[in-house]
Amino acid sequence: MYASASLSDHGSDGDGGGTDPLADPLSCDPLASIRARGRVALRAHVCEGRTRRASLREEGALRLRFPAETASRLDAVAVNVAGGMAGGDVYEVEIVAQAGAQVTFATASAEKVYRALGAPTRADLRLRAEAGARLAALPQETILFDGARLRRRVEIDLQGDARLVLCDLLVLGRAAMGEEVRTLDWADQWRLRRDGALVWADAARLQGDATARLASGATGAGARAFGLVLYAAPDAQSHLEPLRESLAQAGAYACEAGASCFDDLLLARFVAPDALGARRAMERALRLLPDGSPPRSWST
C-alpha cells in the first residue's frame, strides 16, 4: 500500500510521466457551486524575540485560532466550521515559519471525510520552514467513512537547518461504532524538499473494499489505523535509538511500529486495529522528539 523513496536527483520530483492519481477535476461536478471550500494561509515571523503572525488569510469553512501565546512559540489551531469533509469539497492549509520562528500547527478535532457521490474530497497541506525555524504539524486523526473519496497532497519545503516534526494518523471508520469501510477511494502524495532538493517522496492508494483488502496478513492483518511520525532535522539520527526503544513498547497498545533514519530524516510508521492504540503509541513517540509533545487541543 505504501511506496516511499529517498531521492537525491535534484532535477526530478519522482512523479514520473504517468497519470496523476490526485488529478480528479472538480469542473465536471454539477454540484460544484454548493461544495465547501476552505483555505488558511499563515506566515509567522520573529518580532522582538517572539514568534508572531506576519500575515493570516482565511477563506470559506476553515479558520485558525490562536491559544494563549507562549514566550516564544506561536500555536495555531485549525477549525473546520463545516463540520467535516464531503465529496467535492476542497481544503487548503499553508503554514510558513520564517527564519528563526517557532510554530506549532494542530487541529481542534479529528477530521471526518464522508461518503462522496461524485467528485472526491481534496485536502492540500503546504509547510515551509526557513533557516533556523522550528515547525511542528500535529493534526489529530483523519477518519474515512464508507464511500469516502479522498485526495491528499502534502508539500514540505525546508531551508538550511530548519526543523520539522509532523504526525499523521488515518483511520478507516470508527471501530467502537462497528463501522466497516467497504467502499473507498483514497490517494496520498507526499513530497519533502530541503533547499529545493527532493529528499523524500511517499505515495499511497487504496481502492475498493478496504476491509477485505486489509484483512490478510500480507496487507494489513485487519488494521484500521495507519500512522506516521516524521522528524526532519540535523540531529535526526541521534533520536533513532530512543525512538526504537519506545516503539518496542507499542505492542502494549496493540500497535505495530518501526522506524528508520536517512538524510537527516527520521520516519516512524504505526499500524493498529483501532485509532486509540495507534494514537497512544504515537503520542509516546512524539514526546521523545523536540517540539513533538501533543498540543492541548488533543485532549479536548
Protein backbone atom coordinates (compact mmCIF):
# COMPACT_ATOMS: atom_id res chain seq x y z
CA MET A 1 0.00 0.00 0.00
CA TYR A 2 2.87 2.37 0.71
CA ALA A 3 5.64 3.37 -1.64
CA SER A 4 8.39 5.66 -0.43
CA ALA A 5 11.86 6.64 -1.51
CA SER A 6 14.89 8.66 -0.52
CA LEU A 7 15.84 10.65 -3.59
CA SER A 8 18.94 12.64 -4.42
CA ASP A 9 18.11 13.61 -8.02
CA HIS A 10 17.76 17.40 -7.84
CA GLY A 11 16.17 17.58 -11.26
CA SER A 12 13.17 15.32 -10.68
CA ASP A 13 10.37 15.15 -8.15
CA GLY A 14 9.85 11.45 -8.66
CA ASP A 15 6.33 11.77 -10.05
CA GLY A 16 7.14 10.12 -13.36
CA GLY A 17 5.18 10.67 -16.54
CA GLY A 18 2.04 8.67 -15.76
CA THR A 19 -1.41 9.78 -14.73
CA ASP A 20 -1.55 11.76 -11.51
CA PRO A 21 -3.85 9.83 -9.13
CA LEU A 22 -4.75 13.13 -7.44
CA ALA A 23 -5.75 14.93 -10.61
CA ASP A 24 -9.53 14.46 -10.47
CA PRO A 25 -11.05 17.63 -11.97
CA LEU A 26 -13.88 19.23 -10.00
CA SER A 27 -15.21 21.09 -13.01
CA CYS A 28 -17.30 18.06 -14.03
CA ASP A 29 -19.23 18.12 -10.74
CA PRO A 30 -22.74 19.56 -11.36
CA LEU A 31 -22.97 20.49 -7.66
CA ALA A 32 -19.62 22.31 -7.57
CA SER A 33 -21.28 25.60 -6.67
CA ILE A 34 -22.51 24.28 -3.31
CA ARG A 35 -19.40 22.38 -2.31
CA ALA A 36 -17.45 23.56 0.73
CA ARG A 37 -14.21 25.45 0.20
CA GLY A 38 -11.74 26.27 2.91
CA ARG A 39 -8.29 27.84 2.90
CA VAL A 40 -6.00 29.24 5.54
CA ALA A 41 -2.55 30.70 4.96
CA LEU A 42 -0.39 31.70 7.92
CA ARG A 43 3.00 33.34 7.78
CA ALA A 44 4.87 33.70 11.09
CA HIS A 45 7.97 35.76 11.85
CA VAL A 46 10.11 36.73 14.82
CA CYS A 47 9.27 40.09 16.36
CA GLU A 48 11.15 41.34 19.43
CA GLY A 49 12.29 37.82 20.23
CA ARG A 50 8.85 36.24 19.93
CA THR A 51 7.10 34.40 17.10
CA ARG A 52 4.06 36.32 15.95
CA ARG A 53 1.73 36.43 12.97
CA ALA A 54 3.19 38.25 9.97
CA SER A 55 0.08 37.59 7.86
CA LEU A 56 -3.06 35.48 8.03
CA ARG A 57 -5.64 34.70 5.38
CA GLU A 58 -8.85 32.74 5.99
CA GLU A 59 -11.39 31.72 3.37
CA GLY A 60 -14.56 29.66 3.42
CA ALA A 61 -15.00 26.90 6.00
CA LEU A 62 -11.53 26.97 7.56
CA ARG A 63 -10.43 29.16 10.45
CA LEU A 64 -7.25 29.44 12.50
CA ARG A 65 -7.44 30.12 16.21
CA PHE A 66 -4.53 31.06 18.44
CA PRO A 67 -4.48 29.88 22.08
CA ALA A 68 -2.77 31.92 24.77
CA GLU A 69 0.61 32.98 23.46
CA THR A 70 3.74 31.44 24.94
CA ALA A 71 7.01 33.25 25.48
CA SER A 72 8.48 32.37 22.10
CA ARG A 73 6.22 29.97 20.15
CA LEU A 74 3.11 30.61 18.09
CA ASP A 75 0.37 27.97 18.34
CA ALA A 76 -2.23 27.79 15.57
CA VAL A 77 -5.28 25.51 15.70
CA ALA A 78 -7.39 24.86 12.59
CA VAL A 79 -11.17 24.68 12.88
CA ASN A 80 -13.41 23.35 10.10
CA VAL A 81 -16.73 25.12 10.64
CA ALA A 82 -18.37 22.88 8.03
CA GLY A 83 -18.16 20.00 10.49
CA GLY A 84 -16.44 17.57 8.13
CA MET A 85 -15.49 16.99 4.50
CA ALA A 86 -17.77 15.68 1.77
CA GLY A 87 -17.30 14.82 -1.87
CA GLY A 88 -16.25 17.78 -3.98
CA ASP A 89 -15.03 19.84 -1.02
CA VAL A 90 -11.61 21.47 -1.33
CA TYR A 91 -9.44 22.38 1.66
CA GLU A 92 -6.01 24.02 1.65
CA VAL A 93 -3.70 24.80 4.56
CA GLU A 94 -0.42 26.69 4.17
CA ILE A 95 1.91 27.36 7.10
CA VAL A 96 5.15 29.33 6.69
CA ALA A 97 7.66 29.75 9.52
CA GLN A 98 10.11 32.46 8.57
CA ALA A 99 13.75 32.47 9.69
CA GLY A 100 14.07 31.72 13.41
CA ALA A 101 10.32 31.38 14.02
CA GLN A 102 8.78 28.58 16.11
CA VAL A 103 5.28 27.45 15.11
CA THR A 104 3.03 24.58 16.18
CA PHE A 105 0.05 23.77 13.94
CA ALA A 106 -2.75 21.50 15.16
CA THR A 107 -6.45 20.81 14.60
CA ALA A 108 -9.29 21.30 17.05
CA SER A 109 -10.69 17.80 16.47
CA ALA A 110 -10.45 14.74 14.28
CA GLU A 111 -11.28 15.44 10.64
CA LYS A 112 -14.10 13.36 9.15
CA VAL A 113 -14.33 12.51 5.46
CA TYR A 114 -17.82 11.37 4.46
CA ARG A 115 -19.25 9.46 1.52
CA ALA A 116 -18.71 11.05 -1.89
CA LEU A 117 -21.29 10.55 -4.60
CA GLY A 118 -19.29 12.30 -7.31
CA ALA A 119 -16.09 14.30 -7.19
CA PRO A 120 -13.55 13.42 -4.47
CA THR A 121 -12.62 15.48 -1.45
CA ARG A 122 -9.36 17.40 -1.91
CA ALA A 123 -7.09 18.28 1.01
CA ASP A 124 -3.73 20.01 0.47
CA LEU A 125 -1.17 20.84 3.15
CA ARG A 126 1.85 23.03 2.41
CA LEU A 127 4.53 23.56 5.05
CA ARG A 128 7.56 25.82 4.72
CA ALA A 129 10.28 26.44 7.31
CA GLU A 130 13.13 28.82 6.63
CA ALA A 131 16.64 28.61 8.12
CA GLY A 132 16.63 28.42 11.91
CA ALA A 133 12.84 27.88 12.08
CA ARG A 134 11.10 25.15 14.08
CA LEU A 135 7.78 23.91 12.74
CA ALA A 136 5.53 21.26 14.30
CA ALA A 137 2.50 19.98 12.38
CA LEU A 138 0.44 17.86 14.77
CA PRO A 139 -3.11 17.44 13.47
CA GLN A 140 -5.49 14.94 15.02
CA GLU A 141 -6.57 11.87 13.09
CA THR A 142 -8.46 11.81 9.79
CA ILE A 143 -11.41 9.39 9.77
CA LEU A 144 -12.54 7.94 6.43
CA PHE A 145 -16.11 6.70 6.35
CA ASP A 146 -17.57 4.12 3.98
CA GLY A 147 -17.80 5.53 0.48
CA ALA A 148 -15.20 8.27 1.05
CA ARG A 149 -13.11 9.53 -1.86
CA LEU A 150 -10.09 11.49 -0.67
CA ARG A 151 -7.15 13.03 -2.49
CA ARG A 152 -4.45 14.46 -0.23
CA ARG A 153 -1.25 16.24 -1.17
CA VAL A 154 1.44 17.26 1.33
CA GLU A 155 4.28 19.51 0.21
CA ILE A 156 7.10 20.29 2.66
CA ASP A 157 9.88 22.80 1.94
CA LEU A 158 12.72 23.14 4.45
CA GLN A 159 15.66 25.51 4.19
CA GLY A 160 19.08 25.26 5.81
CA ASP A 161 18.92 23.89 9.36
CA ALA A 162 15.13 24.24 9.72
CA ARG A 163 13.49 21.59 11.91
CA LEU A 164 10.16 19.87 11.37
CA VAL A 165 8.18 17.37 13.41
CA LEU A 166 4.97 16.05 11.87
CA CYS A 167 2.42 13.37 12.58
CA ASP A 168 -0.41 11.89 10.53
CA LEU A 169 -2.99 9.28 11.52
CA LEU A 170 -5.51 7.88 9.05
CA VAL A 171 -8.40 5.77 10.40
CA LEU A 172 -10.90 3.64 8.47
CA GLY A 173 -14.23 4.07 10.22
CA ARG A 174 -14.91 4.06 13.95
CA ALA A 175 -14.21 0.64 15.42
CA ALA A 176 -16.21 1.39 18.58
CA MET A 177 -19.29 2.03 16.42
CA GLY A 178 -18.84 -1.21 14.48
CA GLU A 179 -18.27 0.67 11.24
CA GLU A 180 -16.65 -1.00 8.26
CA VAL A 181 -15.26 0.65 5.15
CA ARG A 182 -16.38 -1.47 2.22
CA THR A 183 -16.09 1.18 -0.48
CA LEU A 184 -13.09 3.50 -0.52
CA ASP A 185 -11.05 5.56 -2.96
CA TRP A 186 -8.12 7.22 -1.19
CA ALA A 187 -4.81 8.51 -2.58
CA ASP A 188 -1.95 10.39 -0.94
CA GLN A 189 1.14 12.12 -2.29
CA TRP A 190 3.87 13.47 -0.01
CA ARG A 191 6.98 15.40 -1.03
CA LEU A 192 9.69 16.76 1.28
CA ARG A 193 12.43 19.02 -0.04
CA ARG A 194 15.38 20.65 1.66
CA ASP A 195 16.97 23.64 -0.08
CA GLY A 196 14.97 22.77 -3.16
CA ALA A 197 16.25 19.18 -3.44
CA LEU A 198 13.77 16.32 -3.11
CA VAL A 199 14.75 14.24 -0.06
CA TRP A 200 11.70 12.03 0.44
CA ALA A 201 8.66 11.03 -1.60
CA ASP A 202 5.80 8.87 -0.43
CA ALA A 203 2.63 7.71 -2.15
CA ALA A 204 -0.27 5.55 -1.06
CA ARG A 205 -3.52 4.46 -2.66
CA LEU A 206 -6.32 2.18 -1.52
CA GLN A 207 -9.41 1.47 -3.60
CA GLY A 208 -12.36 -0.86 -3.31
CA ASP A 209 -13.35 -2.91 -0.27
CA ALA A 210 -10.80 -1.68 2.27
CA THR A 211 -11.91 -4.09 4.99
CA ALA A 212 -11.38 -7.09 2.72
CA ARG A 213 -8.14 -5.82 1.20
CA LEU A 214 -6.56 -5.23 4.62
CA ALA A 215 -7.78 -8.48 6.16
CA SER A 216 -4.84 -10.69 5.16
CA GLY A 217 -1.53 -10.73 7.00
CA ALA A 218 0.33 -9.62 3.88
CA THR A 219 -1.62 -6.38 3.56
CA GLY A 220 -2.78 -5.25 6.98
CA ALA A 221 -3.83 -8.15 9.22
CA GLY A 222 -7.12 -6.37 9.84
CA ALA A 223 -5.57 -2.98 10.58
CA ARG A 224 -7.80 0.10 10.51
CA ALA A 225 -5.39 2.82 11.68
CA PHE A 226 -2.18 3.90 9.92
CA GLY A 227 0.13 6.47 11.46
CA LEU A 228 3.26 8.37 10.54
CA VAL A 229 5.68 10.38 12.67
CA LEU A 230 8.32 12.35 10.80
CA TYR A 231 11.22 14.35 12.21
CA ALA A 232 13.47 16.28 9.82
CA ALA A 233 16.47 17.96 11.44
CA PRO A 234 20.28 17.83 11.50
CA ASP A 235 20.14 15.78 14.73
CA ALA A 236 17.59 13.24 13.47
CA GLN A 237 20.00 10.29 13.73
CA SER A 238 20.56 10.87 17.46
CA HIS A 239 16.86 10.27 18.14
CA LEU A 240 16.60 6.97 16.27
CA GLU A 241 17.56 4.53 19.04
CA PRO A 242 15.47 6.21 21.79
CA LEU A 243 12.53 6.17 19.39
CA ARG A 244 13.01 2.50 18.58
CA GLU A 245 13.06 1.71 22.29
CA SER A 246 9.72 3.46 22.60
CA LEU A 247 8.29 1.64 19.59
CA ALA A 248 9.29 -1.68 21.14
CA GLN A 249 6.58 -0.97 23.73
CA ALA A 250 3.92 -0.23 21.13
CA GLY A 251 2.61 -3.76 21.46
CA ALA A 252 1.13 -2.74 24.79
CA TYR A 253 -1.31 -0.64 22.75
CA ALA A 254 -1.98 -3.44 20.22
CA CYS A 255 0.06 -1.44 17.71
CA GLU A 256 2.92 -2.46 15.45
CA ALA A 257 5.58 0.15 14.67
CA GLY A 258 9.01 0.61 13.15
CA ALA A 259 11.46 3.43 12.45
CA SER A 260 14.31 4.29 10.10
CA CYS A 261 16.59 7.28 9.54
CA PHE A 262 18.34 8.63 6.45
CA ASP A 263 19.41 12.03 5.08
CA ASP A 264 18.63 13.78 8.40
CA LEU A 265 15.09 12.39 8.20
CA LEU A 266 13.61 10.15 10.90
CA LEU A 267 10.47 8.19 9.98
CA ALA A 268 8.26 6.00 12.14
CA ARG A 269 5.17 4.14 10.96
CA PHE A 270 2.34 2.72 13.05
CA VAL A 271 -0.32 0.12 12.23
CA ALA A 272 -3.13 -0.77 14.62
CA PRO A 273 -6.62 -2.29 14.63
CA ASP A 274 -8.11 0.93 16.02
CA ALA A 275 -7.31 4.62 16.39
CA LEU A 276 -6.84 4.54 20.16
CA GLY A 277 -3.92 2.12 20.10
CA ALA A 278 -2.14 3.93 17.28
CA ARG A 279 -2.70 7.32 18.87
CA ARG A 280 -1.29 6.27 22.24
CA ALA A 281 1.82 4.76 20.65
CA MET A 282 2.29 7.88 18.51
CA GLU A 283 1.89 10.23 21.47
CA ARG A 284 4.58 8.29 23.34
CA ALA A 285 6.92 8.57 20.34
CA LEU A 286 6.22 12.26 19.76
CA ARG A 287 7.17 13.18 23.32
CA LEU A 288 10.70 11.96 22.62
CA LEU A 289 11.18 14.46 19.79
CA PRO A 290 11.92 18.18 20.08
CA ASP A 291 8.69 20.20 19.81
CA GLY A 292 6.75 16.96 19.47
CA SER A 293 4.62 17.00 22.63
CA PRO A 294 0.96 16.89 21.55
CA PRO A 295 -0.80 20.26 21.96
CA ARG A 296 -3.68 20.90 24.34
CA SER A 297 -6.24 20.51 21.57
CA TRP A 298 -5.53 16.76 21.52
CA SER A 299 -7.10 16.37 24.96
CA THR A 300 -10.33 18.21 24.14
